[in-house]
Amino acid sequence: ELVLTLRSVSDDRLKAVRQVLEERLVKRGISLKGLDYADIESASGDTVRQVATITVGIGSDKAREINKLIKAKAPKGVSSQTQGESIRVSAKKRDDLQATMSVLKSEDLGIPLQFENMRN
């Protein structure tokens, strides 16, 4: 997890900083699904602050949920295993992997998904 602390003079300016942050993240190709904001709180000297957390990787609870989803809805012959902060999905056919990818994309998991390293 990456933690960002946004500070500003007023709520309006803090919302503007938040909007600029989101625009920059989108421009860099980072999904906003992994961005969580805490409540706006008052800080010292008539300023306000807000903590933003960027989630990196998949937590163990979410990994279990994704593994169950793959076992339930993916084609036969597809297996998945959790490796650290990622999930490794393997199948004999590339078509099965692509079907699994479309199943995961159609579900609203609440986290941004990336698919890497599809080998022949």
Protein backbone atom coordinates (compact mmCIF):
# COMPACT_ATOMS: atom_id res chain seq x y z
CA GLU A 1 0.00 0.00 0.00
CA LEU A 2 1.10 3.50 -0.81
CA VAL A 3 -0.12 6.29 1.46
CA LEU A 4 -0.52 9.89 0.28
CA THR A 5 -1.46 12.75 2.59
CA LEU A 6 -3.23 15.63 0.87
CA ARG A 7 -3.11 18.98 2.71
CA SER A 8 -4.75 22.27 1.83
CA VAL A 9 -6.12 25.51 3.23
CA SER A 10 -9.82 24.71 2.65
CA ASP A 11 -12.13 21.87 1.68
CA ASP A 12 -12.62 23.31 -1.80
CA ARG A 13 -8.90 23.46 -2.49
CA LEU A 14 -8.46 19.95 -1.11
CA LYS A 15 -11.10 18.69 -3.54
CA ALA A 16 -9.22 20.45 -6.36
CA VAL A 17 -5.97 18.74 -5.31
CA ARG A 18 -7.82 15.43 -5.21
CA GLN A 19 -9.17 16.02 -8.73
CA VAL A 20 -5.66 16.84 -10.03
CA LEU A 21 -4.31 13.66 -8.39
CA GLU A 22 -7.00 11.54 -10.03
CA GLU A 23 -6.37 13.14 -13.44
CA ARG A 24 -2.64 12.44 -13.18
CA LEU A 25 -3.24 8.83 -12.15
CA VAL A 26 -5.60 8.27 -15.08
CA LYS A 27 -3.08 9.87 -17.44
CA ARG A 28 -0.45 7.37 -16.22
CA GLY A 29 -2.81 4.44 -16.72
CA ILE A 30 -3.46 3.72 -13.05
CA SER A 31 -7.01 2.64 -12.26
CA LEU A 32 -8.91 4.66 -9.68
CA LYS A 33 -10.46 1.47 -8.25
CA GLY A 34 -7.33 0.98 -6.15
CA LEU A 35 -7.57 4.45 -4.61
CA ASP A 36 -9.28 4.85 -1.22
CA TYR A 37 -9.80 8.12 0.63
CA ALA A 38 -10.17 8.60 4.37
CA ASP A 39 -12.44 11.30 5.79
CA ILE A 40 -11.38 14.94 5.57
CA GLU A 41 -10.03 16.04 8.94
CA SER A 42 -8.88 19.37 10.28
CA ALA A 43 -5.16 19.83 10.82
CA SER A 44 -3.08 22.47 12.58
CA GLY A 45 -3.18 26.10 11.52
CA ASP A 46 -6.65 26.19 9.90
CA THR A 47 -5.72 23.57 7.30
CA VAL A 48 -7.43 20.35 6.33
CA ARG A 49 -5.95 17.03 5.32
CA GLN A 50 -7.07 13.78 3.80
CA VAL A 51 -5.22 10.49 3.56
CA ALA A 52 -5.39 8.59 0.27
CA THR A 53 -4.27 4.96 0.04
CA ILE A 54 -3.30 3.25 -3.19
CA THR A 55 -3.74 -0.50 -2.96
CA VAL A 56 -0.92 -2.54 -4.48
CA GLY A 57 -1.38 -6.26 -5.06
CA ILE A 58 -4.21 -8.53 -3.99
CA GLY A 59 -5.05 -9.13 -0.34
CA SER A 60 -5.51 -12.69 0.90
CA ASP A 61 -9.30 -12.38 1.30
CA LYS A 62 -9.73 -10.98 -2.21
CA ALA A 63 -7.37 -13.67 -3.57
CA ARG A 64 -9.55 -16.40 -2.04
CA GLU A 65 -12.64 -14.80 -3.55
CA ILE A 66 -11.02 -14.66 -7.01
CA ASN A 67 -9.82 -18.28 -6.75
CA LYS A 68 -13.35 -19.43 -5.85
CA LEU A 69 -14.75 -17.44 -8.77
CA ILE A 70 -12.26 -19.02 -11.17
CA LYS A 71 -13.06 -22.52 -9.93
CA ALA A 72 -16.81 -21.89 -10.23
CA LYS A 73 -17.09 -20.06 -13.55
CA ALA A 74 -13.95 -20.73 -15.57
CA PRO A 75 -13.73 -23.55 -18.15
CA LYS A 76 -12.52 -26.99 -17.10
CA GLY A 77 -8.78 -27.45 -17.00
CA VAL A 78 -8.09 -23.99 -15.60
CA SER A 79 -6.25 -23.89 -12.29
CA SER A 80 -5.33 -20.92 -10.13
CA GLN A 81 -2.98 -20.41 -7.22
CA THR A 82 -2.04 -17.44 -5.08
CA GLN A 83 1.58 -16.30 -5.30
CA GLY A 84 2.33 -13.44 -2.94
CA GLU A 85 0.32 -10.44 -4.09
CA SER A 86 -0.78 -11.98 -7.39
CA ILE A 87 -2.70 -14.99 -8.69
CA ARG A 88 -1.24 -17.37 -11.22
CA VAL A 89 -3.78 -18.91 -13.58
CA SER A 90 -2.73 -21.77 -15.83
CA ALA A 91 -4.47 -23.76 -18.54
CA LYS A 92 -3.45 -25.91 -21.48
CA LYS A 93 -5.22 -23.76 -24.05
CA ARG A 94 -4.91 -20.04 -24.59
CA ASP A 95 -8.67 -19.88 -25.30
CA ASP A 96 -9.38 -21.13 -21.76
CA LEU A 97 -7.18 -18.38 -20.32
CA GLN A 98 -8.94 -15.76 -22.43
CA ALA A 99 -12.34 -17.07 -21.29
CA THR A 100 -11.16 -16.84 -17.68
CA MET A 101 -9.98 -13.27 -18.27
CA SER A 102 -13.39 -12.30 -19.65
CA VAL A 103 -15.13 -13.90 -16.64
CA LEU A 104 -12.95 -11.90 -14.25
CA LYS A 105 -13.49 -8.67 -16.21
CA SER A 106 -17.27 -9.14 -16.16
CA GLU A 107 -17.35 -9.49 -12.36
CA ASP A 108 -17.12 -6.36 -10.21
CA LEU A 109 -14.32 -7.29 -7.84
CA GLY A 110 -13.64 -3.78 -6.56
CA ILE A 111 -9.95 -3.89 -7.46
CA PRO A 112 -8.14 -3.09 -10.70
CA LEU A 113 -7.02 -6.18 -12.61
CA GLN A 114 -3.90 -6.62 -14.71
CA PHE A 115 -3.16 -9.61 -16.89
CA GLU A 116 0.48 -10.37 -17.59
CA ASN A 117 2.71 -12.91 -19.27
CA MET A 118 0.46 -15.02 -21.50
CA ARG A 119 2.72 -17.63 -23.02
CA ASN A 120 2.08 -19.92 -25.95
